[in-house]
N, C-alpha and C. Protein backbone atom coordinates (compact mmCIF):
# COMPACT_ATOMS: atom_id res chain seq x y z
N MET A 1 64.43 -77.80 22.74
CA MET A 1 64.74 -78.06 24.16
C MET A 1 63.62 -77.57 25.08
N TYR A 2 63.12 -76.38 24.81
CA TYR A 2 62.16 -75.77 25.72
C TYR A 2 60.75 -75.85 25.15
N LYS A 3 59.94 -76.75 25.66
CA LYS A 3 58.59 -76.96 25.15
C LYS A 3 57.61 -77.10 26.31
N ASN A 4 56.33 -76.95 25.98
CA ASN A 4 55.20 -77.21 26.88
C ASN A 4 55.05 -76.16 27.99
N VAL A 5 56.03 -76.04 28.90
CA VAL A 5 55.92 -75.05 29.95
C VAL A 5 56.65 -73.78 29.52
N SER A 6 56.50 -72.70 30.30
CA SER A 6 57.08 -71.42 29.90
C SER A 6 58.60 -71.50 29.82
N LEU A 7 59.15 -70.64 28.98
CA LEU A 7 60.60 -70.60 28.80
C LEU A 7 61.30 -70.27 30.11
N ALA A 8 60.74 -69.33 30.87
CA ALA A 8 61.34 -68.96 32.15
C ALA A 8 61.36 -70.14 33.11
N ASP A 9 60.29 -70.94 33.12
CA ASP A 9 60.24 -72.12 33.99
C ASP A 9 61.30 -73.13 33.59
N GLN A 10 61.47 -73.32 32.28
CA GLN A 10 62.48 -74.27 31.79
C GLN A 10 63.88 -73.79 32.16
N VAL A 11 64.13 -72.50 31.98
CA VAL A 11 65.44 -71.94 32.34
C VAL A 11 65.67 -72.07 33.83
N TYR A 12 64.65 -71.79 34.62
CA TYR A 12 64.74 -71.94 36.08
C TYR A 12 65.14 -73.37 36.43
N ASP A 13 64.47 -74.36 35.84
CA ASP A 13 64.76 -75.76 36.15
C ASP A 13 66.21 -76.12 35.83
N VAL A 14 66.71 -75.63 34.69
CA VAL A 14 68.08 -75.94 34.30
C VAL A 14 69.09 -75.32 35.27
N ILE A 15 68.90 -74.04 35.58
CA ILE A 15 69.84 -73.37 36.49
C ILE A 15 69.76 -73.98 37.88
N GLU A 16 68.54 -74.23 38.36
CA GLU A 16 68.37 -74.84 39.68
C GLU A 16 69.09 -76.18 39.75
N GLN A 17 68.92 -77.00 38.71
CA GLN A 17 69.58 -78.31 38.69
C GLN A 17 71.09 -78.16 38.77
N LYS A 18 71.63 -77.21 38.01
CA LYS A 18 73.08 -77.02 38.00
C LYS A 18 73.59 -76.52 39.36
N ILE A 19 72.78 -75.74 40.05
CA ILE A 19 73.16 -75.29 41.40
C ILE A 19 73.13 -76.46 42.38
N LEU A 20 72.05 -77.24 42.33
CA LEU A 20 71.87 -78.32 43.30
C LEU A 20 72.85 -79.46 43.09
N ASN A 21 73.25 -79.70 41.83
CA ASN A 21 74.19 -80.81 41.62
C ASN A 21 75.65 -80.36 41.61
N GLY A 22 75.88 -79.05 41.86
CA GLY A 22 77.24 -78.56 42.02
C GLY A 22 77.91 -78.06 40.76
N ASP A 23 77.23 -78.10 39.61
CA ASP A 23 77.82 -77.55 38.39
C ASP A 23 78.07 -76.05 38.54
N TYR A 24 77.16 -75.38 39.25
CA TYR A 24 77.36 -73.98 39.62
C TYR A 24 77.58 -73.96 41.14
N PRO A 25 78.84 -74.02 41.60
CA PRO A 25 79.11 -74.11 43.04
C PRO A 25 78.86 -72.80 43.77
N ALA A 26 78.74 -72.89 45.08
CA ALA A 26 78.54 -71.71 45.92
C ALA A 26 79.68 -70.72 45.69
N GLY A 27 79.33 -69.46 45.55
CA GLY A 27 80.32 -68.41 45.33
C GLY A 27 80.54 -68.06 43.87
N GLU A 28 80.07 -68.91 42.97
CA GLU A 28 80.25 -68.63 41.54
C GLU A 28 79.32 -67.51 41.09
N VAL A 29 79.84 -66.65 40.22
CA VAL A 29 79.05 -65.54 39.69
C VAL A 29 78.39 -65.97 38.38
N LEU A 30 77.09 -65.76 38.29
CA LEU A 30 76.34 -66.12 37.08
C LEU A 30 75.91 -64.83 36.38
N SER A 31 76.58 -64.51 35.30
CA SER A 31 76.21 -63.31 34.55
C SER A 31 75.13 -63.65 33.53
N GLU A 32 74.31 -62.66 33.21
CA GLU A 32 73.26 -62.87 32.22
C GLU A 32 73.85 -63.25 30.87
N SER A 33 74.96 -62.61 30.50
CA SER A 33 75.58 -62.90 29.20
C SER A 33 76.08 -64.34 29.14
N ARG A 34 76.65 -64.82 30.23
CA ARG A 34 77.13 -66.20 30.26
C ARG A 34 75.96 -67.18 30.13
N LEU A 35 74.90 -66.94 30.89
CA LEU A 35 73.75 -67.84 30.86
C LEU A 35 73.05 -67.80 29.51
N THR A 36 73.01 -66.61 28.91
CA THR A 36 72.42 -66.49 27.57
C THR A 36 73.16 -67.36 26.57
N GLU A 37 74.49 -67.33 26.66
CA GLU A 37 75.31 -68.14 25.75
C GLU A 37 75.17 -69.63 26.05
N GLU A 38 75.21 -70.00 27.33
CA GLU A 38 75.15 -71.42 27.70
C GLU A 38 73.80 -72.06 27.38
N LEU A 39 72.72 -71.32 27.61
CA LEU A 39 71.38 -71.89 27.48
C LEU A 39 70.72 -71.57 26.15
N GLY A 40 71.29 -70.64 25.40
CA GLY A 40 70.74 -70.33 24.09
C GLY A 40 69.39 -69.65 24.12
N VAL A 41 69.19 -68.81 25.13
CA VAL A 41 67.92 -68.08 25.25
C VAL A 41 68.22 -66.60 25.47
N SER A 42 67.18 -65.78 25.38
CA SER A 42 67.35 -64.34 25.59
C SER A 42 67.49 -64.01 27.07
N ARG A 43 67.75 -62.75 27.36
CA ARG A 43 67.97 -62.34 28.75
C ARG A 43 66.68 -62.30 29.57
N THR A 44 65.54 -62.09 28.92
CA THR A 44 64.29 -61.95 29.68
C THR A 44 63.95 -63.18 30.51
N PRO A 45 63.90 -64.40 29.95
CA PRO A 45 63.61 -65.57 30.78
C PRO A 45 64.70 -65.84 31.81
N ILE A 46 65.94 -65.46 31.50
CA ILE A 46 67.03 -65.64 32.46
C ILE A 46 66.82 -64.73 33.67
N ARG A 47 66.42 -63.48 33.42
CA ARG A 47 66.16 -62.56 34.53
C ARG A 47 65.02 -63.06 35.40
N GLU A 48 63.97 -63.57 34.75
CA GLU A 48 62.83 -64.10 35.51
C GLU A 48 63.25 -65.29 36.36
N ALA A 49 64.06 -66.17 35.78
CA ALA A 49 64.52 -67.36 36.51
C ALA A 49 65.41 -66.97 37.67
N LEU A 50 66.32 -66.02 37.46
CA LEU A 50 67.23 -65.59 38.52
C LEU A 50 66.47 -64.91 39.66
N ALA A 51 65.43 -64.16 39.33
CA ALA A 51 64.62 -63.52 40.37
C ALA A 51 63.94 -64.57 41.23
N ARG A 52 63.46 -65.61 40.60
CA ARG A 52 62.81 -66.71 41.34
C ARG A 52 63.82 -67.44 42.21
N LEU A 53 65.01 -67.69 41.68
CA LEU A 53 66.06 -68.36 42.44
C LEU A 53 66.51 -67.51 43.62
N GLN A 54 66.49 -66.19 43.45
CA GLN A 54 66.85 -65.30 44.55
C GLN A 54 65.79 -65.38 45.65
N ASN A 55 64.53 -65.43 45.27
CA ASN A 55 63.45 -65.56 46.26
C ASN A 55 63.58 -66.85 47.06
N GLU A 56 64.13 -67.88 46.42
CA GLU A 56 64.29 -69.18 47.08
C GLU A 56 65.64 -69.32 47.77
N LYS A 57 66.41 -68.23 47.80
CA LYS A 57 67.69 -68.16 48.51
C LYS A 57 68.75 -69.09 47.93
N LEU A 58 68.65 -69.38 46.64
CA LEU A 58 69.68 -70.18 45.98
C LEU A 58 70.74 -69.29 45.34
N VAL A 59 70.39 -68.03 45.08
CA VAL A 59 71.36 -67.04 44.60
C VAL A 59 71.08 -65.72 45.32
N GLU A 60 72.05 -64.81 45.23
CA GLU A 60 71.84 -63.46 45.75
C GLU A 60 72.51 -62.46 44.83
N THR A 61 72.01 -61.24 44.85
CA THR A 61 72.58 -60.18 44.02
C THR A 61 73.60 -59.40 44.84
N SER A 62 74.78 -59.22 44.27
CA SER A 62 75.84 -58.46 44.93
C SER A 62 76.45 -57.51 43.92
N ALA A 63 77.46 -56.76 44.37
CA ALA A 63 78.14 -55.84 43.47
C ALA A 63 78.80 -56.58 42.32
N ALA A 64 79.17 -57.83 42.56
CA ALA A 64 79.83 -58.63 41.53
C ALA A 64 78.84 -59.21 40.52
N GLY A 65 77.55 -59.21 40.88
CA GLY A 65 76.54 -59.80 40.02
C GLY A 65 75.70 -60.80 40.80
N THR A 66 75.13 -61.75 40.10
CA THR A 66 74.33 -62.79 40.74
C THR A 66 75.26 -63.90 41.22
N VAL A 67 75.28 -64.12 42.53
CA VAL A 67 76.21 -65.07 43.14
C VAL A 67 75.44 -66.29 43.65
N VAL A 68 75.98 -67.46 43.38
CA VAL A 68 75.35 -68.71 43.81
C VAL A 68 75.52 -68.89 45.32
N LEU A 69 74.43 -69.13 46.02
CA LEU A 69 74.47 -69.48 47.44
C LEU A 69 74.47 -70.99 47.62
N GLY A 70 73.75 -71.67 46.71
CA GLY A 70 73.69 -73.12 46.78
C GLY A 70 72.79 -73.61 47.89
N ILE A 71 72.99 -74.85 48.26
CA ILE A 71 72.19 -75.47 49.31
C ILE A 71 73.15 -76.11 50.31
N THR A 72 72.99 -75.78 51.57
CA THR A 72 73.92 -76.25 52.60
C THR A 72 73.42 -77.54 53.25
N GLY A 73 74.31 -78.16 53.99
CA GLY A 73 73.92 -79.35 54.74
C GLY A 73 72.80 -79.05 55.72
N GLN A 74 72.82 -77.86 56.31
CA GLN A 74 71.75 -77.47 57.23
C GLN A 74 70.43 -77.30 56.50
N ASP A 75 70.49 -76.76 55.27
CA ASP A 75 69.27 -76.63 54.45
C ASP A 75 68.64 -78.00 54.22
N VAL A 76 69.48 -78.96 53.86
CA VAL A 76 68.99 -80.32 53.59
C VAL A 76 68.39 -80.92 54.86
N LYS A 77 69.09 -80.75 55.97
CA LYS A 77 68.58 -81.27 57.25
C LYS A 77 67.23 -80.66 57.58
N ASP A 78 67.10 -79.35 57.40
CA ASP A 78 65.84 -78.67 57.71
C ASP A 78 64.70 -79.16 56.82
N MET A 79 64.99 -79.36 55.54
CA MET A 79 63.95 -79.83 54.63
C MET A 79 63.49 -81.24 54.98
N TYR A 80 64.44 -82.07 55.38
CA TYR A 80 64.06 -83.42 55.79
C TYR A 80 63.29 -83.40 57.11
N GLU A 81 63.58 -82.44 57.97
CA GLU A 81 62.80 -82.31 59.20
C GLU A 81 61.35 -81.98 58.88
N ILE A 82 61.15 -81.08 57.93
CA ILE A 82 59.79 -80.73 57.52
C ILE A 82 59.08 -81.96 56.96
N LYS A 83 59.76 -82.69 56.09
CA LYS A 83 59.16 -83.90 55.53
C LYS A 83 58.84 -84.91 56.62
N ARG A 84 59.75 -85.05 57.58
CA ARG A 84 59.57 -86.05 58.64
C ARG A 84 58.35 -85.73 59.51
N TYR A 85 58.11 -84.45 59.74
CA TYR A 85 56.97 -84.06 60.57
C TYR A 85 55.65 -84.10 59.80
N LEU A 86 55.67 -83.73 58.53
CA LEU A 86 54.43 -83.56 57.79
C LEU A 86 54.03 -84.76 56.93
N GLU A 87 54.99 -85.36 56.25
CA GLU A 87 54.62 -86.33 55.20
C GLU A 87 53.94 -87.59 55.72
N PRO A 88 54.34 -88.16 56.86
CA PRO A 88 53.59 -89.32 57.36
C PRO A 88 52.12 -88.97 57.62
N HIS A 89 51.87 -87.79 58.18
CA HIS A 89 50.48 -87.36 58.43
C HIS A 89 49.73 -87.15 57.11
N VAL A 90 50.41 -86.58 56.13
CA VAL A 90 49.80 -86.36 54.82
C VAL A 90 49.42 -87.69 54.17
N CYS A 91 50.25 -88.70 54.34
CA CYS A 91 49.92 -90.05 53.84
C CYS A 91 48.64 -90.57 54.49
N SER A 92 48.53 -90.36 55.78
CA SER A 92 47.34 -90.80 56.51
C SER A 92 46.10 -90.07 56.01
N LEU A 93 46.22 -88.78 55.76
CA LEU A 93 45.10 -88.01 55.21
C LEU A 93 44.72 -88.51 53.82
N ALA A 94 45.72 -88.85 53.02
CA ALA A 94 45.46 -89.30 51.65
C ALA A 94 44.67 -90.60 51.61
N ILE A 95 44.86 -91.45 52.61
CA ILE A 95 44.13 -92.72 52.66
C ILE A 95 42.62 -92.49 52.61
N ASP A 96 42.15 -91.45 53.27
CA ASP A 96 40.71 -91.18 53.32
C ASP A 96 40.18 -90.50 52.06
N ARG A 97 41.09 -89.97 51.23
CA ARG A 97 40.64 -89.12 50.13
C ARG A 97 41.09 -89.57 48.75
N ILE A 98 42.04 -90.46 48.67
CA ILE A 98 42.61 -90.82 47.37
C ILE A 98 41.57 -91.50 46.48
N SER A 99 41.55 -91.13 45.22
CA SER A 99 40.59 -91.70 44.27
C SER A 99 41.10 -93.04 43.75
N GLU A 100 40.19 -93.82 43.21
CA GLU A 100 40.58 -95.10 42.60
C GLU A 100 41.54 -94.86 41.44
N GLU A 101 41.29 -93.79 40.71
CA GLU A 101 42.16 -93.46 39.58
C GLU A 101 43.58 -93.15 40.05
N ALA A 102 43.70 -92.36 41.12
CA ALA A 102 45.02 -92.02 41.65
C ALA A 102 45.71 -93.24 42.22
N LEU A 103 44.95 -94.10 42.88
CA LEU A 103 45.52 -95.32 43.45
C LEU A 103 46.04 -96.23 42.34
N LYS A 104 45.29 -96.33 41.26
CA LYS A 104 45.73 -97.13 40.12
C LYS A 104 46.99 -96.55 39.52
N ARG A 105 47.07 -95.23 39.44
CA ARG A 105 48.26 -94.58 38.89
C ARG A 105 49.46 -94.84 39.79
N MET A 106 49.27 -94.85 41.10
CA MET A 106 50.37 -95.17 42.02
C MET A 106 50.91 -96.56 41.74
N GLU A 107 50.01 -97.50 41.54
CA GLU A 107 50.43 -98.87 41.25
C GLU A 107 51.24 -98.93 39.96
N GLU A 108 50.78 -98.21 38.94
CA GLU A 108 51.50 -98.17 37.67
C GLU A 108 52.89 -97.57 37.84
N ILE A 109 52.97 -96.51 38.64
CA ILE A 109 54.26 -95.86 38.88
C ILE A 109 55.23 -96.81 39.55
N VAL A 110 54.77 -97.53 40.56
CA VAL A 110 55.63 -98.48 41.26
C VAL A 110 56.11 -99.57 40.30
N GLU A 111 55.23 -100.07 39.47
CA GLU A 111 55.61 -101.10 38.50
C GLU A 111 56.64 -100.56 37.51
N GLN A 112 56.46 -99.32 37.09
CA GLN A 112 57.43 -98.71 36.18
C GLN A 112 58.76 -98.48 36.88
N GLN A 113 58.72 -98.11 38.15
CA GLN A 113 59.96 -97.93 38.91
C GLN A 113 60.72 -99.25 39.02
N GLU A 114 60.00 -100.31 39.27
CA GLU A 114 60.63 -101.63 39.38
C GLU A 114 61.31 -102.01 38.07
N PHE A 115 60.67 -101.67 36.96
CA PHE A 115 61.24 -101.94 35.64
C PHE A 115 62.50 -101.10 35.41
N TYR A 116 62.40 -99.80 35.64
CA TYR A 116 63.53 -98.92 35.36
C TYR A 116 64.67 -99.08 36.36
N GLU A 117 64.35 -99.58 37.55
CA GLU A 117 65.42 -99.86 38.51
C GLU A 117 66.30 -100.99 37.98
N MET A 118 65.68 -102.00 37.39
CA MET A 118 66.45 -103.10 36.79
C MET A 118 67.30 -102.60 35.62
N LYS A 119 66.80 -101.58 34.94
CA LYS A 119 67.54 -101.00 33.80
C LYS A 119 68.54 -99.94 34.26
N HIS A 120 68.52 -99.62 35.55
CA HIS A 120 69.40 -98.58 36.12
C HIS A 120 69.22 -97.24 35.40
N ASN A 121 67.96 -96.92 35.09
CA ASN A 121 67.65 -95.66 34.40
C ASN A 121 67.30 -94.60 35.45
N LEU A 122 68.30 -93.84 35.83
CA LEU A 122 68.15 -92.88 36.93
C LEU A 122 67.15 -91.77 36.60
N ASP A 123 67.21 -91.27 35.38
CA ASP A 123 66.32 -90.17 35.02
C ASP A 123 64.85 -90.58 35.13
N GLN A 124 64.52 -91.76 34.65
CA GLN A 124 63.15 -92.24 34.76
C GLN A 124 62.76 -92.48 36.21
N LEU A 125 63.67 -93.01 37.00
CA LEU A 125 63.38 -93.26 38.42
C LEU A 125 63.09 -91.95 39.15
N ARG A 126 63.86 -90.94 38.86
CA ARG A 126 63.64 -89.64 39.52
C ARG A 126 62.31 -89.03 39.11
N ASN A 127 62.00 -89.13 37.83
CA ASN A 127 60.72 -88.61 37.34
C ASN A 127 59.54 -89.33 37.99
N LEU A 128 59.64 -90.64 38.07
CA LEU A 128 58.56 -91.44 38.67
C LEU A 128 58.47 -91.21 40.18
N ASP A 129 59.62 -91.00 40.82
CA ASP A 129 59.62 -90.70 42.25
C ASP A 129 58.82 -89.43 42.52
N THR A 130 59.06 -88.41 41.70
CA THR A 130 58.32 -87.16 41.84
C THR A 130 56.82 -87.39 41.68
N GLN A 131 56.44 -88.16 40.66
CA GLN A 131 55.02 -88.44 40.42
C GLN A 131 54.39 -89.19 41.59
N PHE A 132 55.12 -90.15 42.15
CA PHE A 132 54.60 -90.95 43.26
C PHE A 132 54.25 -90.06 44.45
N HIS A 133 55.20 -89.23 44.85
CA HIS A 133 54.97 -88.37 46.01
C HIS A 133 53.93 -87.29 45.71
N ASP A 134 53.92 -86.78 44.48
CA ASP A 134 52.94 -85.75 44.14
C ASP A 134 51.51 -86.28 44.22
N ILE A 135 51.31 -87.55 43.90
CA ILE A 135 49.97 -88.14 44.03
C ILE A 135 49.53 -88.13 45.49
N ILE A 136 50.44 -88.46 46.38
CA ILE A 136 50.13 -88.43 47.81
C ILE A 136 49.78 -87.02 48.25
N TYR A 137 50.62 -86.05 47.85
CA TYR A 137 50.37 -84.66 48.25
C TYR A 137 49.03 -84.15 47.72
N SER A 138 48.74 -84.44 46.46
CA SER A 138 47.52 -83.92 45.85
C SER A 138 46.27 -84.64 46.35
N SER A 139 46.46 -85.81 46.98
CA SER A 139 45.32 -86.59 47.47
C SER A 139 45.01 -86.34 48.94
N CYS A 140 45.81 -85.51 49.61
CA CYS A 140 45.64 -85.35 51.06
C CYS A 140 44.51 -84.39 51.41
N GLY A 141 44.04 -83.61 50.44
CA GLY A 141 42.94 -82.68 50.70
C GLY A 141 43.37 -81.33 51.22
N SER A 142 44.68 -81.09 51.33
CA SER A 142 45.17 -79.81 51.85
C SER A 142 46.11 -79.15 50.84
N PRO A 143 45.67 -78.09 50.18
CA PRO A 143 46.56 -77.35 49.28
C PRO A 143 47.77 -76.77 50.01
N ILE A 144 47.61 -76.47 51.29
CA ILE A 144 48.73 -75.92 52.07
C ILE A 144 49.83 -76.97 52.23
N PHE A 145 49.46 -78.17 52.67
CA PHE A 145 50.46 -79.23 52.81
C PHE A 145 51.13 -79.51 51.47
N GLN A 146 50.33 -79.55 50.40
CA GLN A 146 50.87 -79.82 49.08
C GLN A 146 51.86 -78.74 48.65
N SER A 147 51.51 -77.48 48.90
CA SER A 147 52.38 -76.37 48.48
C SER A 147 53.68 -76.32 49.27
N VAL A 148 53.68 -76.88 50.47
CA VAL A 148 54.90 -76.94 51.29
C VAL A 148 55.77 -78.12 50.86
N LEU A 149 55.17 -79.29 50.74
CA LEU A 149 55.94 -80.52 50.54
C LEU A 149 56.42 -80.71 49.11
N SER A 150 55.61 -80.35 48.13
CA SER A 150 55.97 -80.64 46.75
C SER A 150 57.28 -79.96 46.32
N PRO A 151 57.46 -78.64 46.52
CA PRO A 151 58.73 -78.03 46.11
C PRO A 151 59.92 -78.54 46.91
N ILE A 152 59.72 -78.86 48.18
CA ILE A 152 60.81 -79.41 48.99
C ILE A 152 61.25 -80.76 48.42
N HIS A 153 60.28 -81.61 48.13
CA HIS A 153 60.62 -82.93 47.59
C HIS A 153 61.35 -82.81 46.25
N HIS A 154 60.88 -81.91 45.40
CA HIS A 154 61.51 -81.74 44.09
C HIS A 154 62.96 -81.29 44.25
N LYS A 155 63.20 -80.36 45.16
CA LYS A 155 64.57 -79.88 45.38
C LYS A 155 65.47 -80.99 45.90
N LEU A 156 64.97 -81.72 46.88
CA LEU A 156 65.78 -82.79 47.47
C LEU A 156 66.06 -83.89 46.47
N LEU A 157 65.13 -84.17 45.59
CA LEU A 157 65.34 -85.22 44.61
C LEU A 157 66.46 -84.85 43.65
N LYS A 158 66.52 -83.57 43.26
CA LYS A 158 67.61 -83.12 42.40
C LYS A 158 68.93 -83.19 43.16
N TYR A 159 68.89 -82.79 44.43
CA TYR A 159 70.10 -82.82 45.26
C TYR A 159 70.56 -84.25 45.51
N ARG A 160 69.61 -85.20 45.55
CA ARG A 160 69.91 -86.59 45.90
C ARG A 160 70.40 -87.41 44.72
N LYS A 161 70.67 -86.79 43.59
CA LYS A 161 71.04 -87.56 42.40
C LYS A 161 72.17 -88.54 42.68
N ALA A 162 73.20 -88.09 43.40
CA ALA A 162 74.34 -88.96 43.66
C ALA A 162 73.95 -90.17 44.50
N SER A 163 73.10 -89.95 45.51
CA SER A 163 72.71 -91.08 46.36
C SER A 163 71.85 -92.07 45.61
N LEU A 164 71.02 -91.59 44.67
CA LEU A 164 70.18 -92.50 43.90
C LEU A 164 70.99 -93.31 42.90
N GLU A 165 72.19 -92.84 42.57
CA GLU A 165 73.05 -93.60 41.68
C GLU A 165 73.62 -94.82 42.39
N ASN A 166 73.52 -94.83 43.72
CA ASN A 166 73.90 -96.01 44.48
C ASN A 166 72.82 -97.07 44.29
N SER A 167 73.18 -98.22 43.70
CA SER A 167 72.19 -99.21 43.31
C SER A 167 71.40 -99.74 44.50
N ASP A 168 72.04 -99.89 45.67
CA ASP A 168 71.33 -100.40 46.85
C ASP A 168 70.26 -99.42 47.29
N ARG A 169 70.58 -98.13 47.37
CA ARG A 169 69.59 -97.14 47.80
C ARG A 169 68.46 -97.03 46.78
N SER A 170 68.82 -97.08 45.51
CA SER A 170 67.81 -97.01 44.45
C SER A 170 66.82 -98.16 44.58
N LEU A 171 67.32 -99.37 44.77
CA LEU A 171 66.45 -100.54 44.92
C LEU A 171 65.59 -100.44 46.16
N HIS A 172 66.19 -100.05 47.28
CA HIS A 172 65.44 -99.95 48.53
C HIS A 172 64.35 -98.88 48.45
N SER A 173 64.65 -97.79 47.75
CA SER A 173 63.66 -96.72 47.60
C SER A 173 62.43 -97.22 46.86
N VAL A 174 62.65 -97.99 45.80
CA VAL A 174 61.53 -98.55 45.03
C VAL A 174 60.75 -99.55 45.88
N GLU A 175 61.46 -100.37 46.64
CA GLU A 175 60.79 -101.34 47.53
C GLU A 175 59.94 -100.61 48.58
N GLU A 176 60.47 -99.51 49.09
CA GLU A 176 59.72 -98.72 50.08
C GLU A 176 58.47 -98.11 49.46
N HIS A 177 58.57 -97.67 48.22
CA HIS A 177 57.39 -97.14 47.52
C HIS A 177 56.33 -98.22 47.37
N ARG A 178 56.75 -99.43 47.04
CA ARG A 178 55.80 -100.54 46.91
C ARG A 178 55.06 -100.76 48.24
N ALA A 179 55.80 -100.76 49.33
CA ALA A 179 55.18 -100.99 50.65
C ALA A 179 54.23 -99.85 51.02
N ILE A 180 54.63 -98.61 50.72
CA ILE A 180 53.77 -97.46 51.01
C ILE A 180 52.48 -97.54 50.20
N TYR A 181 52.61 -97.88 48.93
CA TYR A 181 51.42 -98.03 48.09
C TYR A 181 50.48 -99.09 48.65
N GLU A 182 51.03 -100.23 49.06
CA GLU A 182 50.20 -101.32 49.59
C GLU A 182 49.48 -100.88 50.86
N ALA A 183 50.17 -100.13 51.72
CA ALA A 183 49.55 -99.66 52.96
C ALA A 183 48.42 -98.67 52.68
N ILE A 184 48.63 -97.80 51.70
CA ILE A 184 47.56 -96.86 51.32
C ILE A 184 46.37 -97.62 50.75
N LYS A 185 46.65 -98.59 49.91
CA LYS A 185 45.58 -99.40 49.31
C LYS A 185 44.78 -100.13 50.38
N GLU A 186 45.48 -100.61 51.41
CA GLU A 186 44.81 -101.35 52.49
C GLU A 186 44.25 -100.44 53.57
N LYS A 187 44.43 -99.12 53.40
CA LYS A 187 43.93 -98.11 54.34
C LYS A 187 44.46 -98.33 55.76
N ASP A 188 45.74 -98.69 55.83
CA ASP A 188 46.40 -98.92 57.11
C ASP A 188 47.19 -97.66 57.49
N LYS A 189 46.55 -96.79 58.25
CA LYS A 189 47.15 -95.49 58.56
C LYS A 189 48.40 -95.62 59.43
N LYS A 190 48.33 -96.44 60.44
CA LYS A 190 49.49 -96.61 61.32
C LYS A 190 50.68 -97.14 60.54
N ARG A 191 50.43 -98.10 59.69
CA ARG A 191 51.49 -98.71 58.91
C ARG A 191 52.09 -97.72 57.91
N VAL A 192 51.23 -96.96 57.23
CA VAL A 192 51.75 -96.04 56.21
C VAL A 192 52.56 -94.91 56.85
N GLU A 193 52.17 -94.46 58.04
CA GLU A 193 52.95 -93.43 58.72
C GLU A 193 54.33 -93.96 59.11
N GLU A 194 54.36 -95.19 59.57
CA GLU A 194 55.64 -95.82 59.93
C GLU A 194 56.52 -96.00 58.70
N LEU A 195 55.93 -96.47 57.61
CA LEU A 195 56.69 -96.70 56.38
C LEU A 195 57.23 -95.41 55.80
N MET A 196 56.41 -94.36 55.79
CA MET A 196 56.87 -93.09 55.23
C MET A 196 57.96 -92.47 56.10
N THR A 197 57.83 -92.58 57.41
CA THR A 197 58.88 -92.08 58.30
C THR A 197 60.21 -92.78 58.01
N ASN A 198 60.17 -94.09 57.88
CA ASN A 198 61.38 -94.85 57.57
C ASN A 198 61.94 -94.48 56.20
N HIS A 199 61.06 -94.28 55.24
CA HIS A 199 61.47 -93.91 53.88
C HIS A 199 62.22 -92.58 53.90
N ILE A 200 61.71 -91.63 54.63
CA ILE A 200 62.35 -90.31 54.73
C ILE A 200 63.69 -90.42 55.46
N ASN A 201 63.72 -91.18 56.54
CA ASN A 201 64.97 -91.35 57.29
C ASN A 201 66.04 -92.03 56.45
N HIS A 202 65.65 -93.04 55.69
CA HIS A 202 66.62 -93.76 54.85
C HIS A 202 67.17 -92.84 53.76
N ALA A 203 66.31 -92.01 53.18
CA ALA A 203 66.75 -91.09 52.14
C ALA A 203 67.75 -90.08 52.71
N TYR A 204 67.46 -89.56 53.89
CA TYR A 204 68.37 -88.59 54.50
C TYR A 204 69.69 -89.25 54.89
N ASP A 205 69.61 -90.46 55.43
CA ASP A 205 70.83 -91.17 55.81
C ASP A 205 71.73 -91.41 54.61
N SER A 206 71.13 -91.69 53.45
CA SER A 206 71.93 -91.96 52.25
C SER A 206 72.70 -90.72 51.82
N ILE A 207 72.12 -89.55 52.04
CA ILE A 207 72.81 -88.30 51.73
C ILE A 207 73.89 -88.02 52.77
N ARG A 208 73.53 -88.17 54.02
CA ARG A 208 74.46 -87.85 55.12
C ARG A 208 75.71 -88.72 55.08
N LYS A 209 75.53 -89.96 54.66
CA LYS A 209 76.67 -90.89 54.59
C LYS A 209 77.41 -90.78 53.26
N GLY A 210 76.88 -89.94 52.37
CA GLY A 210 77.54 -89.78 51.08
C GLY A 210 77.37 -90.95 50.16
N ALA A 211 76.26 -91.72 50.37
CA ALA A 211 76.04 -92.92 49.54
C ALA A 211 75.64 -92.53 48.14
């Protein structure tokens, strides 16, 4: 189960996913012994993962143990506000800096998304969605913007699992990616900022409406 990246990182990803999708609801106590049994790992990577989750305000330590804080509607709203203010500008920056190799990879990702959308393969769509946005972040020329946007997008994508299961939103998201890619390829800054703003608004609306 746990390969390639560190064990603590893998454990962190699993626990974070369970918190964001509600398997570990707010108020639930997560003991090390329980997590050791559920995940089949030792206490050391679990402690490292819980410390990281505490730093990110997803859990807190109390007299009862490690308690899930979860992610609130206000948290989601705030994260989308950050994306709304920064990501269109980051797309514009990426137009001036993106390599031919990265642009080609974006095209491949969109084509793969179109294929997996027809297959209704949510896991592949989410993975490709992350790759698509990460290419934009890494191509903007600012490690600061990348370090802010990348973890936010990853968190929201895990939280958005239910909305992506809606076939209409899933299809529209892929179509929006195609349009964003085309605008970047054509170096149309005004257009790409407009498209990314709409993409972010549509994603947030799908969550707010419970789609």
